[in-house]
């Protein structure tokens, strides 16, 4: 490394954060470049992590229900899961609970809509 470059680095190291930000803006203006583009192009570090793929299956969770909608929630869970009355009641009272897993997006949306139409709250998450 040349003495000139070492001197510039030492000078930059002594700048405050505000002074450094001003320097970056001045360099961008002077050379007509963007520091963000330079940082991306000049990054020689480890490869950026690969973005996670969109989920293909989803799970629907019964988050909560208002007390005055408990009966509607129990009826819906009985219908959706084929449970008996006591099991459906215990399921609803144990909320938040996963209702179904491994659903495709349209089916998950439909189930969540049924739950919200019954007055309860539902959550859809990628599985």
N, C-alpha and C. Protein backbone atom coordinates (compact mmCIF):
# COMPACT_ATOMS: atom_id res chain seq x y z
N UNK A 1 0.85 -1.16 0.00
CA UNK A 1 0.00 0.00 0.00
C UNK A 1 0.91 1.24 0.00
N UNK A 2 0.52 2.22 -0.80
CA UNK A 2 1.33 3.43 -0.90
C UNK A 2 1.14 4.30 0.34
N UNK A 3 2.12 5.17 0.58
CA UNK A 3 2.04 6.09 1.71
C UNK A 3 0.84 7.02 1.58
N UNK A 4 0.55 7.42 0.35
CA UNK A 4 -0.57 8.32 0.10
C UNK A 4 -1.89 7.65 0.50
N UNK A 5 -2.05 6.40 0.12
CA UNK A 5 -3.26 5.65 0.44
C UNK A 5 -3.35 5.42 1.95
N UNK A 6 -2.25 5.08 2.59
CA UNK A 6 -2.23 4.88 4.04
C UNK A 6 -2.63 6.15 4.76
N UNK A 7 -2.19 7.30 4.26
CA UNK A 7 -2.52 8.59 4.86
C UNK A 7 -4.02 8.87 4.72
N UNK A 8 -4.59 8.57 3.55
CA UNK A 8 -6.04 8.76 3.35
C UNK A 8 -6.82 7.89 4.32
N UNK A 9 -6.40 6.65 4.47
CA UNK A 9 -7.09 5.72 5.39
C UNK A 9 -7.01 6.24 6.82
N UNK A 10 -5.88 6.71 7.24
CA UNK A 10 -5.74 7.26 8.59
C UNK A 10 -6.63 8.48 8.79
N UNK A 11 -6.71 9.31 7.77
CA UNK A 11 -7.57 10.49 7.85
C UNK A 11 -9.03 10.08 7.96
N UNK A 12 -9.45 9.11 7.17
CA UNK A 12 -10.84 8.63 7.22
C UNK A 12 -11.15 8.03 8.58
N UNK A 13 -10.21 7.29 9.14
CA UNK A 13 -10.41 6.67 10.45
C UNK A 13 -10.61 7.71 11.54
N UNK A 14 -10.08 8.91 11.35
CA UNK A 14 -10.20 9.95 12.38
C UNK A 14 -11.48 10.77 12.25
N UNK A 15 -12.27 10.56 11.20
CA UNK A 15 -13.49 11.33 10.98
C UNK A 15 -14.61 10.87 11.92
N UNK A 16 -15.48 11.81 12.26
CA UNK A 16 -16.69 11.45 13.01
C UNK A 16 -17.68 10.83 12.04
N UNK A 17 -18.73 10.27 12.56
CA UNK A 17 -19.75 9.65 11.72
C UNK A 17 -20.38 10.69 10.80
N UNK A 18 -20.66 11.86 11.32
CA UNK A 18 -21.28 12.91 10.51
C UNK A 18 -20.32 13.35 9.39
N UNK A 19 -19.04 13.51 9.75
CA UNK A 19 -18.05 13.90 8.74
C UNK A 19 -17.91 12.82 7.67
N UNK A 20 -17.96 11.57 8.08
CA UNK A 20 -17.86 10.46 7.13
C UNK A 20 -19.06 10.45 6.19
N UNK A 21 -20.25 10.69 6.74
CA UNK A 21 -21.45 10.74 5.89
C UNK A 21 -21.34 11.89 4.89
N UNK A 22 -20.85 13.05 5.35
CA UNK A 22 -20.65 14.19 4.45
C UNK A 22 -19.64 13.85 3.36
N UNK A 23 -18.58 13.14 3.72
CA UNK A 23 -17.57 12.73 2.74
C UNK A 23 -18.18 11.83 1.68
N UNK A 24 -18.98 10.88 2.11
CA UNK A 24 -19.62 9.95 1.17
C UNK A 24 -20.51 10.74 0.20
N UNK A 25 -21.31 11.66 0.74
CA UNK A 25 -22.19 12.46 -0.12
C UNK A 25 -21.38 13.31 -1.10
N UNK A 26 -20.29 13.88 -0.62
CA UNK A 26 -19.44 14.70 -1.49
C UNK A 26 -18.81 13.85 -2.60
N UNK A 27 -18.36 12.64 -2.26
CA UNK A 27 -17.77 11.76 -3.28
C UNK A 27 -18.83 11.32 -4.30
N UNK A 28 -20.03 11.04 -3.82
CA UNK A 28 -21.11 10.67 -4.74
C UNK A 28 -21.37 11.80 -5.72
N UNK A 29 -21.44 13.03 -5.20
CA UNK A 29 -21.71 14.19 -6.05
C UNK A 29 -20.54 14.45 -7.01
N UNK A 30 -19.34 14.39 -6.51
CA UNK A 30 -18.16 14.68 -7.32
C UNK A 30 -17.99 13.71 -8.48
N UNK A 31 -18.21 12.42 -8.21
CA UNK A 31 -17.95 11.41 -9.23
C UNK A 31 -19.22 10.87 -9.89
N UNK A 32 -20.39 11.36 -9.45
CA UNK A 32 -21.64 10.91 -10.06
C UNK A 32 -21.93 9.44 -9.85
N UNK A 33 -21.60 8.93 -8.68
CA UNK A 33 -21.83 7.52 -8.37
C UNK A 33 -22.66 7.42 -7.09
N UNK A 34 -23.09 6.22 -6.81
CA UNK A 34 -23.82 5.95 -5.58
C UNK A 34 -22.97 5.04 -4.71
N UNK A 35 -22.84 5.38 -3.44
CA UNK A 35 -22.05 4.55 -2.53
C UNK A 35 -22.67 3.17 -2.38
N UNK A 36 -23.99 3.09 -2.47
CA UNK A 36 -24.65 1.79 -2.34
C UNK A 36 -24.26 0.89 -3.50
N UNK A 37 -24.23 1.43 -4.71
CA UNK A 37 -23.85 0.62 -5.87
C UNK A 37 -22.39 0.21 -5.79
N UNK A 38 -21.54 1.11 -5.30
CA UNK A 38 -20.12 0.79 -5.16
C UNK A 38 -19.94 -0.28 -4.10
N UNK A 39 -20.66 -0.18 -3.02
CA UNK A 39 -20.53 -1.16 -1.95
C UNK A 39 -20.95 -2.54 -2.43
N UNK A 40 -22.01 -2.61 -3.22
CA UNK A 40 -22.46 -3.90 -3.73
C UNK A 40 -21.47 -4.44 -4.74
N UNK A 41 -21.04 -3.59 -5.65
CA UNK A 41 -20.12 -4.03 -6.69
C UNK A 41 -18.75 -4.35 -6.11
N UNK A 42 -18.34 -3.60 -5.09
CA UNK A 42 -17.02 -3.78 -4.54
C UNK A 42 -16.94 -4.81 -3.43
N UNK A 43 -18.04 -5.40 -3.06
CA UNK A 43 -18.05 -6.37 -1.96
C UNK A 43 -17.36 -7.65 -2.40
N UNK A 44 -16.25 -7.96 -1.76
CA UNK A 44 -15.55 -9.19 -2.10
C UNK A 44 -15.60 -10.18 -0.94
N UNK A 45 -16.52 -9.92 0.01
CA UNK A 45 -16.67 -10.80 1.17
C UNK A 45 -17.40 -12.06 0.79
N UNK A 46 -17.86 -12.79 1.79
CA UNK A 46 -18.57 -14.03 1.52
C UNK A 46 -19.86 -13.75 0.73
N UNK A 47 -20.30 -14.75 0.02
CA UNK A 47 -21.50 -14.61 -0.80
C UNK A 47 -22.69 -14.27 0.08
N UNK A 48 -23.57 -13.46 -0.46
CA UNK A 48 -24.78 -13.09 0.26
C UNK A 48 -25.65 -14.32 0.43
N UNK A 49 -26.35 -14.41 1.55
CA UNK A 49 -27.21 -15.58 1.75
C UNK A 49 -28.32 -15.60 0.70
N UNK A 50 -28.66 -16.79 0.28
CA UNK A 50 -29.71 -16.95 -0.71
C UNK A 50 -31.05 -16.69 -0.04
N UNK A 51 -31.88 -15.90 -0.70
CA UNK A 51 -33.20 -15.61 -0.14
C UNK A 51 -34.00 -16.91 -0.04
N UNK A 52 -34.76 -16.98 1.04
CA UNK A 52 -35.56 -18.18 1.23
C UNK A 52 -36.65 -18.25 0.17
N UNK A 53 -36.91 -19.45 -0.30
CA UNK A 53 -37.95 -19.65 -1.30
C UNK A 53 -39.31 -19.45 -0.66
N UNK A 54 -40.23 -19.01 -1.46
CA UNK A 54 -41.60 -18.85 -0.98
C UNK A 54 -42.13 -20.23 -0.55
N UNK A 55 -42.82 -20.28 0.58
CA UNK A 55 -43.35 -21.58 1.01
C UNK A 55 -44.42 -22.08 0.03
N UNK A 56 -44.48 -23.39 -0.10
CA UNK A 56 -45.49 -23.98 -0.98
C UNK A 56 -46.63 -24.58 -0.19
N UNK A 57 -46.39 -24.84 1.09
CA UNK A 57 -47.46 -25.33 1.95
C UNK A 57 -47.59 -24.38 3.15
N UNK A 58 -48.78 -24.36 3.68
CA UNK A 58 -49.08 -23.41 4.75
C UNK A 58 -49.82 -24.11 5.88
N UNK A 59 -49.74 -23.49 7.05
CA UNK A 59 -50.51 -23.98 8.18
C UNK A 59 -51.40 -22.85 8.67
N UNK A 60 -52.58 -23.23 9.15
CA UNK A 60 -53.55 -22.27 9.65
C UNK A 60 -53.71 -22.52 11.14
N UNK A 61 -53.61 -21.42 11.90
CA UNK A 61 -53.70 -21.51 13.35
C UNK A 61 -54.89 -20.71 13.84
N UNK A 62 -55.65 -21.32 14.74
CA UNK A 62 -56.71 -20.58 15.45
C UNK A 62 -56.00 -19.80 16.54
N UNK A 63 -55.97 -18.48 16.42
CA UNK A 63 -55.21 -17.65 17.34
C UNK A 63 -56.01 -17.38 18.61
N UNK A 64 -57.22 -16.88 18.42
CA UNK A 64 -58.09 -16.57 19.57
C UNK A 64 -59.51 -16.41 19.07
N UNK A 65 -60.43 -16.36 20.03
CA UNK A 65 -61.84 -16.18 19.70
C UNK A 65 -62.46 -15.33 20.80
N UNK A 66 -63.42 -14.49 20.47
CA UNK A 66 -64.11 -13.74 21.51
C UNK A 66 -65.05 -14.69 22.27
N UNK A 67 -65.25 -14.42 23.52
CA UNK A 67 -66.08 -15.30 24.36
C UNK A 67 -67.48 -15.49 23.79
N UNK A 68 -68.02 -14.44 23.18
CA UNK A 68 -69.38 -14.56 22.63
C UNK A 68 -69.42 -15.33 21.32
N UNK A 69 -68.28 -15.72 20.77
CA UNK A 69 -68.21 -16.49 19.52
C UNK A 69 -67.68 -17.90 19.75
N UNK A 70 -67.61 -18.32 21.00
CA UNK A 70 -67.04 -19.63 21.32
C UNK A 70 -67.82 -20.77 20.66
N UNK A 71 -69.13 -20.69 20.69
CA UNK A 71 -69.95 -21.76 20.13
C UNK A 71 -69.72 -21.87 18.63
N UNK A 72 -69.65 -20.72 17.93
CA UNK A 72 -69.39 -20.75 16.49
C UNK A 72 -68.02 -21.35 16.20
N UNK A 73 -67.04 -21.02 17.02
CA UNK A 73 -65.69 -21.56 16.84
C UNK A 73 -65.68 -23.07 17.04
N UNK A 74 -66.38 -23.55 18.06
CA UNK A 74 -66.46 -25.00 18.33
C UNK A 74 -67.14 -25.72 17.16
N UNK A 75 -68.24 -25.15 16.67
CA UNK A 75 -68.94 -25.76 15.53
C UNK A 75 -68.02 -25.84 14.31
N UNK A 76 -67.28 -24.79 14.05
CA UNK A 76 -66.38 -24.77 12.90
C UNK A 76 -65.28 -25.82 13.05
N UNK A 77 -64.69 -25.91 14.22
CA UNK A 77 -63.62 -26.89 14.44
C UNK A 77 -64.16 -28.31 14.31
N UNK A 78 -65.37 -28.54 14.81
CA UNK A 78 -65.99 -29.87 14.64
C UNK A 78 -66.14 -30.20 13.16
N UNK A 79 -66.59 -29.22 12.39
CA UNK A 79 -66.80 -29.43 10.96
C UNK A 79 -65.47 -29.65 10.23
N UNK A 80 -64.49 -28.82 10.52
CA UNK A 80 -63.22 -28.87 9.79
C UNK A 80 -62.38 -30.09 10.16
N UNK A 81 -62.32 -30.40 11.44
CA UNK A 81 -61.46 -31.50 11.90
C UNK A 81 -62.20 -32.81 12.15
N UNK A 82 -63.53 -32.77 12.12
CA UNK A 82 -64.30 -33.98 12.37
C UNK A 82 -64.21 -34.46 13.81
N UNK A 83 -64.08 -33.54 14.74
CA UNK A 83 -63.97 -33.90 16.16
C UNK A 83 -65.35 -33.97 16.80
N UNK A 84 -65.40 -34.69 17.92
CA UNK A 84 -66.60 -34.69 18.73
C UNK A 84 -66.72 -33.37 19.48
N UNK A 85 -67.86 -33.19 20.12
CA UNK A 85 -68.13 -31.92 20.81
C UNK A 85 -67.10 -31.63 21.90
N UNK A 86 -66.80 -32.60 22.74
CA UNK A 86 -65.85 -32.38 23.84
C UNK A 86 -64.45 -32.08 23.32
N UNK A 87 -64.03 -32.82 22.28
CA UNK A 87 -62.69 -32.58 21.72
C UNK A 87 -62.61 -31.22 21.03
N UNK A 88 -63.66 -30.85 20.32
CA UNK A 88 -63.67 -29.55 19.64
C UNK A 88 -63.65 -28.42 20.67
N UNK A 89 -64.39 -28.59 21.76
CA UNK A 89 -64.42 -27.57 22.82
C UNK A 89 -63.03 -27.43 23.44
N UNK A 90 -62.38 -28.55 23.73
CA UNK A 90 -61.03 -28.52 24.31
C UNK A 90 -60.04 -27.89 23.33
N UNK A 91 -60.20 -28.19 22.05
CA UNK A 91 -59.32 -27.61 21.03
C UNK A 91 -59.44 -26.10 21.01
N UNK A 92 -60.66 -25.60 20.94
CA UNK A 92 -60.91 -24.16 20.88
C UNK A 92 -60.41 -23.48 22.15
N UNK A 93 -60.67 -24.06 23.30
CA UNK A 93 -60.25 -23.47 24.57
C UNK A 93 -58.73 -23.48 24.72
N UNK A 94 -58.05 -24.32 23.96
CA UNK A 94 -56.60 -24.39 24.02
C UNK A 94 -55.91 -23.45 23.04
N UNK A 95 -56.68 -22.57 22.40
CA UNK A 95 -56.11 -21.64 21.42
C UNK A 95 -55.03 -20.80 22.08
N UNK A 96 -53.97 -20.49 21.36
CA UNK A 96 -53.74 -20.71 19.94
C UNK A 96 -53.34 -22.15 19.65
N UNK A 97 -53.95 -22.70 18.61
CA UNK A 97 -53.68 -24.07 18.19
C UNK A 97 -53.71 -24.16 16.67
N UNK A 98 -52.81 -24.98 16.13
CA UNK A 98 -52.79 -25.20 14.69
C UNK A 98 -54.00 -26.03 14.30
N UNK A 99 -54.75 -25.53 13.32
CA UNK A 99 -55.93 -26.24 12.86
C UNK A 99 -55.54 -27.26 11.79
N UNK A 100 -54.84 -26.79 10.76
CA UNK A 100 -54.41 -27.70 9.68
C UNK A 100 -53.05 -27.27 9.18
N UNK A 101 -52.30 -28.24 8.70
CA UNK A 101 -50.96 -28.03 8.20
C UNK A 101 -50.86 -28.67 6.81
N UNK A 102 -49.91 -28.21 6.00
CA UNK A 102 -49.68 -28.81 4.69
C UNK A 102 -50.69 -28.40 3.64
N UNK A 103 -51.33 -27.25 3.84
CA UNK A 103 -52.33 -26.78 2.88
C UNK A 103 -51.68 -25.93 1.80
N UNK A 104 -52.25 -25.96 0.62
CA UNK A 104 -51.83 -25.04 -0.42
C UNK A 104 -52.45 -23.69 -0.09
N UNK A 105 -51.90 -22.63 -0.68
CA UNK A 105 -52.31 -21.26 -0.33
C UNK A 105 -53.82 -21.03 -0.46
N UNK A 106 -54.47 -21.43 -1.56
CA UNK A 106 -55.91 -21.18 -1.65
C UNK A 106 -56.71 -21.87 -0.54
N UNK A 107 -56.33 -23.10 -0.22
CA UNK A 107 -57.03 -23.83 0.84
C UNK A 107 -56.79 -23.19 2.20
N UNK A 108 -55.56 -22.72 2.43
CA UNK A 108 -55.25 -22.05 3.70
C UNK A 108 -56.03 -20.75 3.82
N UNK A 109 -56.11 -20.00 2.72
CA UNK A 109 -56.90 -18.76 2.73
C UNK A 109 -58.37 -19.03 3.00
N UNK A 110 -58.90 -20.07 2.39
CA UNK A 110 -60.31 -20.42 2.58
C UNK A 110 -60.59 -20.81 4.03
N UNK A 111 -59.71 -21.62 4.62
CA UNK A 111 -59.89 -22.03 6.00
C UNK A 111 -59.78 -20.84 6.95
N UNK A 112 -58.82 -19.98 6.70
CA UNK A 112 -58.67 -18.78 7.54
C UNK A 112 -59.90 -17.89 7.43
N UNK A 113 -60.46 -17.80 6.24
CA UNK A 113 -61.68 -17.00 6.06
C UNK A 113 -62.85 -17.60 6.85
N UNK A 114 -62.97 -18.92 6.82
CA UNK A 114 -64.04 -19.57 7.59
C UNK A 114 -63.89 -19.26 9.07
N UNK A 115 -62.65 -19.30 9.55
CA UNK A 115 -62.40 -19.02 10.97
C UNK A 115 -62.76 -17.59 11.30
N UNK A 116 -62.36 -16.65 10.47
CA UNK A 116 -62.67 -15.24 10.75
C UNK A 116 -64.16 -14.97 10.58
N UNK A 117 -64.81 -15.65 9.63
CA UNK A 117 -66.26 -15.50 9.47
C UNK A 117 -67.01 -16.00 10.70
N UNK A 118 -66.41 -16.95 11.41
CA UNK A 118 -67.03 -17.46 12.64
C UNK A 118 -66.75 -16.53 13.82
N UNK A 119 -66.00 -15.45 13.58
CA UNK A 119 -65.76 -14.47 14.63
C UNK A 119 -64.44 -14.65 15.36
N UNK A 120 -63.65 -15.63 14.96
CA UNK A 120 -62.36 -15.88 15.63
C UNK A 120 -61.24 -15.27 14.79
N UNK A 121 -60.02 -15.34 15.33
CA UNK A 121 -58.85 -14.85 14.59
C UNK A 121 -58.00 -16.03 14.15
N UNK A 122 -57.52 -15.93 12.90
CA UNK A 122 -56.69 -16.99 12.32
C UNK A 122 -55.38 -16.40 11.84
N UNK A 123 -54.36 -17.26 11.77
CA UNK A 123 -53.06 -16.86 11.25
C UNK A 123 -52.61 -17.91 10.25
N UNK A 124 -52.10 -17.44 9.11
CA UNK A 124 -51.56 -18.34 8.08
C UNK A 124 -50.05 -18.17 8.08
N UNK A 125 -49.34 -19.30 8.14
CA UNK A 125 -47.87 -19.27 8.11
C UNK A 125 -47.38 -20.30 7.11
N UNK A 126 -46.26 -20.00 6.49
CA UNK A 126 -45.63 -20.98 5.61
C UNK A 126 -45.12 -22.14 6.43
N UNK A 127 -45.34 -23.34 5.91
CA UNK A 127 -44.91 -24.53 6.65
C UNK A 127 -43.56 -25.00 6.21
